[in-house]
Each structure stands twice: as structure tokens, then as C-alpha cells.
């Protein structure tokens, strides 16, 4: 076993997942890498992503820029689906078809994005794997700033996850 694999296996899951998300961002979607997402939890029930409030994620008012908020919502739903796909023996194309956002308060601290639909995403992926058609599923994401507002949402998002099984080539 290579040294890299040994190191990877002894790291806590949240660090491994954060590395995977940032590597994906670095190689495929640089804006994800740019905002420095951190996986706080990825379980069978939920996915929680933290986007730190730093210079590169702030707007002119000192709160989180809505583009950074959209990236956090994308990561919370998308990373859960990506991990389910990676852990299966199947391959699928993953995109978000649309986005609806309600901004409720100014996010003036690190922001946490929570998707509580991991079990439904898993069932949805299994449905997609048994089909050759694209399927859509709405995902609800809630953004909070625990340091400033506790569990009160600062924004809510509905993103439509769209998956299609890739054909073997």
C-alpha cells in the first residue's frame, strides 16, 4: 500500500472529504476551491458545509456575497450526491438545473449550509442507476450563521439536482 493511501486512510473522514471537495474544485470548478469550503458533517442523514467569511467571500457591506452563498448551497447538495455516486459502482452526470434562493438576514459570519436529504438522494441515485433517462429532484438547503444567529436561517435554497446514468464506453 502506498504512503499516500496509508495517510489518506488514517485521516478523519471530514478532512478526507474536505480534501476531496477542494481537489474537485481545484481541478474542475475553481470557484469552489476559491471559497475554501469545509465539510463539517457528511452522514447518512445530512451534509453540512461551512464557507468561511473571509475577504474573498465578502460583499461591499461585509456580509457574505450571494455568489459565495450559492456555492455553499451547491456544495451541500452536490457533494452528498457526488459521494453517493463515487461510492457506487455506477457513473452519472450531475448538474443543478435551477436555483431558488430566499435571503432572510445578512450572513455576517462563517455560514453553514445544511442538506437534510441524504437518504432521499441515495434513493434517487438508485432510481437513476436503474434508468437510462435524466431525473430531477429538488433539494432544500438551509444556511445559518451559528456564531451570530444560532439556528435561525439566514437564507434558504431550493436547487434541482439533475442526474443521468452515463453509458459504458
C-alpha atoms as a PDB file:
ATOM      1  CA  UNK A   1       0.000   0.000   0.000  1.00  0.00           C
ATOM      2  CA  UNK A   2       1.358   3.408  -0.948  1.00  0.00           C
ATOM      3  CA  UNK A   3       2.225   6.022   1.646  1.00  0.00           C
ATOM      4  CA  UNK A   4      -0.452   8.355   0.268  1.00  0.00           C
ATOM      5  CA  UNK A   5      -3.158   5.698   0.703  1.00  0.00           C
ATOM      6  CA  UNK A   6      -1.983   4.966   4.257  1.00  0.00           C
ATOM      7  CA  UNK A   7      -2.100   8.645   5.167  1.00  0.00           C
ATOM      8  CA  UNK A   8      -5.496   9.024   3.485  1.00  0.00           C
ATOM      9  CA  UNK A   9      -6.934   6.120   5.500  1.00  0.00           C
ATOM     10  CA  UNK A  10      -5.820   7.430   8.885  1.00  0.00           C
ATOM     11  CA  UNK A  11      -7.186  10.940   8.341  1.00  0.00           C
ATOM     12  CA  UNK A  12     -10.611  11.708   9.831  1.00  0.00           C
ATOM     13  CA  UNK A  13     -13.460  11.481   7.306  1.00  0.00           C
ATOM     14  CA  UNK A  14     -14.220  15.210   7.452  1.00  0.00           C
ATOM     15  CA  UNK A  15     -10.622  16.056   6.471  1.00  0.00           C
ATOM     16  CA  UNK A  16     -10.653  13.483   3.652  1.00  0.00           C
ATOM     17  CA  UNK A  17     -13.988  14.816   2.393  1.00  0.00           C
ATOM     18  CA  UNK A  18     -12.824  18.432   2.604  1.00  0.00           C
ATOM     19  CA  UNK A  19      -9.724  17.482   0.605  1.00  0.00           C
ATOM     20  CA  UNK A  20     -11.880  15.683  -1.989  1.00  0.00           C
ATOM     21  CA  UNK A  21     -14.233  18.666  -2.350  1.00  0.00           C
ATOM     22  CA  UNK A  22     -11.368  21.145  -2.647  1.00  0.00           C
ATOM     23  CA  UNK A  23      -9.498  18.907  -5.110  1.00  0.00           C
ATOM     24  CA  UNK A  24     -12.660  18.708  -7.220  1.00  0.00           C
ATOM     25  CA  UNK A  25     -12.896  22.494  -7.021  1.00  0.00           C
ATOM     26  CA  UNK A  26      -9.242  22.993  -7.907  1.00  0.00           C
ATOM     27  CA  UNK A  27      -9.415  20.678 -10.927  1.00  0.00           C
ATOM     28  CA  UNK A  28     -12.985  21.184 -12.191  1.00  0.00           C
ATOM     29  CA  UNK A  29     -14.730  24.229 -10.656  1.00  0.00           C
ATOM     30  CA  UNK A  30     -12.159  26.756  -9.404  1.00  0.00           C
ATOM     31  CA  UNK A  31     -14.759  28.966  -7.691  1.00  0.00           C
ATOM     32  CA  UNK A  32     -15.476  26.114  -5.256  1.00  0.00           C
ATOM     33  CA  UNK A  33     -11.785  25.937  -4.375  1.00  0.00           C
ATOM     34  CA  UNK A  34     -11.601  29.735  -4.099  1.00  0.00           C
ATOM     35  CA  UNK A  35     -14.198  29.999  -1.281  1.00  0.00           C
ATOM     36  CA  UNK A  36     -12.446  27.331   0.860  1.00  0.00           C
ATOM     37  CA  UNK A  37     -15.379  25.063   1.769  1.00  0.00           C
ATOM     38  CA  UNK A  38     -15.038  22.767   4.768  1.00  0.00           C
ATOM     39  CA  UNK A  39     -17.040  19.574   5.265  1.00  0.00           C
ATOM     40  CA  UNK A  40     -18.370  19.758   8.812  1.00  0.00           C
ATOM     41  CA  UNK A  41     -20.539  16.641   8.551  1.00  0.00           C
ATOM     42  CA  UNK A  42     -21.392  14.059   5.950  1.00  0.00           C
ATOM     43  CA  UNK A  43     -23.525  11.278   7.353  1.00  0.00           C
ATOM     44  CA  UNK A  44     -26.348   9.014   6.252  1.00  0.00           C
ATOM     45  CA  UNK A  45     -28.733  11.811   7.268  1.00  0.00           C
ATOM     46  CA  UNK A  46     -27.191  15.159   6.372  1.00  0.00           C
ATOM     47  CA  UNK A  47     -24.406  17.104   4.728  1.00  0.00           C
ATOM     48  CA  UNK A  48     -23.122  20.295   6.342  1.00  0.00           C
ATOM     49  CA  UNK A  49     -20.650  22.575   4.566  1.00  0.00           C
ATOM     50  CA  UNK A  50     -19.024  25.656   6.085  1.00  0.00           C
ATOM     51  CA  UNK A  51     -17.968  28.608   3.962  1.00  0.00           C
ATOM     52  CA  UNK A  52     -15.777  30.958   5.986  1.00  0.00           C
ATOM     53  CA  UNK A  53     -16.488  34.674   5.917  1.00  0.00           C
ATOM     54  CA  UNK A  54     -13.151  35.900   4.575  1.00  0.00           C
ATOM     55  CA  UNK A  55     -12.133  38.686   2.240  1.00  0.00           C
ATOM     56  CA  UNK A  56     -12.802  36.613  -0.867  1.00  0.00           C
ATOM     57  CA  UNK A  57     -16.374  35.681   0.205  1.00  0.00           C
ATOM     58  CA  UNK A  58     -17.493  39.139   1.440  1.00  0.00           C
ATOM     59  CA  UNK A  59     -19.533  41.729  -0.365  1.00  0.00           C
ATOM     60  CA  UNK A  60     -19.138  45.511  -0.053  1.00  0.00           C
ATOM     61  CA  UNK A  61     -21.257  45.503   3.155  1.00  0.00           C
ATOM     62  CA  UNK A  62     -19.056  42.973   4.965  1.00  0.00           C
ATOM     63  CA  UNK A  63     -21.556  40.121   4.758  1.00  0.00           C
ATOM     64  CA  UNK A  64     -21.270  37.028   2.595  1.00  0.00           C
ATOM     65  CA  UNK A  65     -21.636  37.706  -1.120  1.00  0.00           C
ATOM     66  CA  UNK A  66     -24.645  35.973  -2.667  1.00  0.00           C
ATOM     67  CA  UNK A  67     -22.386  34.151  -5.144  1.00  0.00           C
ATOM     68  CA  UNK A  68     -20.494  32.558  -2.239  1.00  0.00           C
ATOM     69  CA  UNK A  69     -23.844  31.636  -0.680  1.00  0.00           C
ATOM     70  CA  UNK A  70     -24.885  29.931  -3.916  1.00  0.00           C
ATOM     71  CA  UNK A  71     -21.605  27.968  -3.945  1.00  0.00           C
ATOM     72  CA  UNK A  72     -22.254  26.803  -0.378  1.00  0.00           C
ATOM     73  CA  UNK A  73     -25.749  25.616  -1.273  1.00  0.00           C
ATOM     74  CA  UNK A  74     -24.393  23.881  -4.393  1.00  0.00           C
ATOM     75  CA  UNK A  75     -21.741  22.080  -2.327  1.00  0.00           C
ATOM     76  CA  UNK A  76     -24.136  20.948   0.422  1.00  0.00           C
ATOM     77  CA  UNK A  77     -26.427  19.146  -2.015  1.00  0.00           C
ATOM     78  CA  UNK A  78     -23.929  18.361  -4.735  1.00  0.00           C
ATOM     79  CA  UNK A  79     -21.225  16.859  -2.534  1.00  0.00           C
ATOM     80  CA  UNK A  80     -23.695  14.482  -0.882  1.00  0.00           C
ATOM     81  CA  UNK A  81     -24.782  13.270  -4.339  1.00  0.00           C
ATOM     82  CA  UNK A  82     -21.190  13.120  -5.584  1.00  0.00           C
ATOM     83  CA  UNK A  83     -20.116  10.902  -2.671  1.00  0.00           C
ATOM     84  CA  UNK A  84     -23.063   8.550  -3.246  1.00  0.00           C
ATOM     85  CA  UNK A  85     -22.084   8.259  -6.918  1.00  0.00           C
ATOM     86  CA  UNK A  86     -18.389   7.732  -6.082  1.00  0.00           C
ATOM     87  CA  UNK A  87     -19.210   5.000  -3.559  1.00  0.00           C
ATOM     88  CA  UNK A  88     -21.411   3.146  -6.057  1.00  0.00           C
ATOM     89  CA  UNK A  89     -20.155   1.101  -8.972  1.00  0.00           C
ATOM     90  CA  UNK A  90     -22.050   3.380 -11.350  1.00  0.00           C
ATOM     91  CA  UNK A  91     -21.183   6.600 -13.112  1.00  0.00           C
ATOM     92  CA  UNK A  92     -23.571   9.505 -13.503  1.00  0.00           C
ATOM     93  CA  UNK A  93     -23.504  13.082 -14.708  1.00  0.00           C
ATOM     94  CA  UNK A  94     -24.515  15.545 -12.002  1.00  0.00           C
ATOM     95  CA  UNK A  95     -25.743  19.090 -12.620  1.00  0.00           C
ATOM     96  CA  UNK A  96     -28.087  21.545 -10.996  1.00  0.00           C
ATOM     97  CA  UNK A  97     -30.947  22.536 -13.229  1.00  0.00           C
ATOM     98  CA  UNK A  98     -32.178  25.596 -11.344  1.00  0.00           C
ATOM     99  CA  UNK A  99     -31.893  27.539  -8.124  1.00  0.00           C
ATOM    100  CA  UNK A 100     -34.314  29.462  -5.952  1.00  0.00           C
ATOM    101  CA  UNK A 101     -32.989  31.459  -3.007  1.00  0.00           C
ATOM    102  CA  UNK A 102     -34.575  33.454  -0.208  1.00  0.00           C
ATOM    103  CA  UNK A 103     -32.154  35.732   1.623  1.00  0.00           C
ATOM    104  CA  UNK A 104     -33.538  36.343   5.116  1.00  0.00           C
ATOM    105  CA  UNK A 105     -30.712  38.014   7.085  1.00  0.00           C
ATOM    106  CA  UNK A 106     -27.240  39.319   6.351  1.00  0.00           C
ATOM    107  CA  UNK A 107     -24.751  36.447   6.865  1.00  0.00           C
ATOM    108  CA  UNK A 108     -22.063  38.316   8.802  1.00  0.00           C
ATOM    109  CA  UNK A 109     -20.022  35.325   9.998  1.00  0.00           C
ATOM    110  CA  UNK A 110     -18.970  31.862   8.809  1.00  0.00           C
ATOM    111  CA  UNK A 111     -22.001  30.294   7.131  1.00  0.00           C
ATOM    112  CA  UNK A 112     -23.123  26.679   7.398  1.00  0.00           C
ATOM    113  CA  UNK A 113     -25.154  25.053   4.623  1.00  0.00           C
ATOM    114  CA  UNK A 114     -27.220  22.036   5.626  1.00  0.00           C
ATOM    115  CA  UNK A 115     -28.917  19.487   3.383  1.00  0.00           C
ATOM    116  CA  UNK A 116     -31.032  17.011   5.385  1.00  0.00           C
ATOM    117  CA  UNK A 117     -31.988  14.880   2.362  1.00  0.00           C
ATOM    118  CA  UNK A 118     -29.078  12.437   2.114  1.00  0.00           C
ATOM    119  CA  UNK A 119     -31.361   9.338   2.436  1.00  0.00           C
ATOM    120  CA  UNK A 120     -33.620  10.660  -0.335  1.00  0.00           C
ATOM    121  CA  UNK A 121     -30.602  11.484  -2.527  1.00  0.00           C
ATOM    122  CA  UNK A 122     -29.397   7.899  -2.109  1.00  0.00           C
ATOM    123  CA  UNK A 123     -32.807   6.508  -3.159  1.00  0.00           C
ATOM    124  CA  UNK A 124     -32.894   8.985  -6.045  1.00  0.00           C
ATOM    125  CA  UNK A 125     -29.429   7.909  -7.252  1.00  0.00           C
ATOM    126  CA  UNK A 126     -30.502   4.239  -7.190  1.00  0.00           C
ATOM    127  CA  UNK A 127     -33.521   5.151  -9.329  1.00  0.00           C
ATOM    128  CA  UNK A 128     -31.220   6.957 -11.780  1.00  0.00           C
ATOM    129  CA  UNK A 129     -28.781   3.997 -11.901  1.00  0.00           C
ATOM    130  CA  UNK A 130     -31.620   1.666 -12.959  1.00  0.00           C
ATOM    131  CA  UNK A 131     -32.688   4.013 -15.759  1.00  0.00           C
ATOM    132  CA  UNK A 132     -31.179   5.482 -18.897  1.00  0.00           C
ATOM    133  CA  UNK A 133     -33.055   8.747 -18.508  1.00  0.00           C
ATOM    134  CA  UNK A 134     -32.268  12.001 -16.734  1.00  0.00           C
ATOM    135  CA  UNK A 135     -34.173  12.509 -13.486  1.00  0.00           C
ATOM    136  CA  UNK A 136     -34.643  15.620 -11.351  1.00  0.00           C
ATOM    137  CA  UNK A 137     -35.010  16.060  -7.597  1.00  0.00           C
ATOM    138  CA  UNK A 138     -35.490  19.294  -5.627  1.00  0.00           C
ATOM    139  CA  UNK A 139     -33.070  19.755  -2.726  1.00  0.00           C
ATOM    140  CA  UNK A 140     -33.690  22.067   0.220  1.00  0.00           C
ATOM    141  CA  UNK A 141     -30.621  23.752   1.701  1.00  0.00           C
ATOM    142  CA  UNK A 142     -30.688  25.945   4.805  1.00  0.00           C
ATOM    143  CA  UNK A 143     -27.909  28.438   5.516  1.00  0.00           C
ATOM    144  CA  UNK A 144     -27.191  29.509   9.102  1.00  0.00           C
ATOM    145  CA  UNK A 145     -24.611  31.636  10.919  1.00  0.00           C
ATOM    146  CA  UNK A 146     -24.434  29.925  14.334  1.00  0.00           C
ATOM    147  CA  UNK A 147     -21.959  32.460  15.762  1.00  0.00           C
ATOM    148  CA  UNK A 148     -24.341  35.337  15.055  1.00  0.00           C
ATOM    149  CA  UNK A 149     -27.898  33.948  14.849  1.00  0.00           C
ATOM    150  CA  UNK A 150     -27.797  30.422  16.314  1.00  0.00           C
ATOM    151  CA  UNK A 151     -30.030  28.070  14.321  1.00  0.00           C
ATOM    152  CA  UNK A 152     -32.090  30.832  12.678  1.00  0.00           C
ATOM    153  CA  UNK A 153     -31.743  30.637   8.889  1.00  0.00           C
ATOM    154  CA  UNK A 154     -30.038  33.467   7.052  1.00  0.00           C
ATOM    155  CA  UNK A 155     -31.037  32.004   3.676  1.00  0.00           C
ATOM    156  CA  UNK A 156     -32.913  29.058   2.219  1.00  0.00           C
ATOM    157  CA  UNK A 157     -32.300  27.477  -1.154  1.00  0.00           C
ATOM    158  CA  UNK A 158     -34.089  25.046  -3.416  1.00  0.00           C
ATOM    159  CA  UNK A 159     -31.852  23.538  -6.084  1.00  0.00           C
ATOM    160  CA  UNK A 160     -32.999  20.968  -8.617  1.00  0.00           C
ATOM    161  CA  UNK A 161     -30.485  18.123  -8.745  1.00  0.00           C
ATOM    162  CA  UNK A 162     -30.411  16.514 -12.177  1.00  0.00           C
ATOM    163  CA  UNK A 163     -28.719  13.121 -12.642  1.00  0.00           C
ATOM    164  CA  UNK A 164     -28.307  10.807 -15.596  1.00  0.00           C
ATOM    165  CA  UNK A 165     -26.506   7.487 -15.702  1.00  0.00           C
ATOM    166  CA  UNK A 166     -23.501   7.536 -18.002  1.00  0.00           C
ATOM    167  CA  UNK A 167     -23.369   4.889 -20.664  1.00  0.00           C
ATOM    168  CA  UNK A 168     -20.452   2.457 -20.548  1.00  0.00           C
ATOM    169  CA  UNK A 169     -17.879   3.355 -23.149  1.00  0.00           C
END
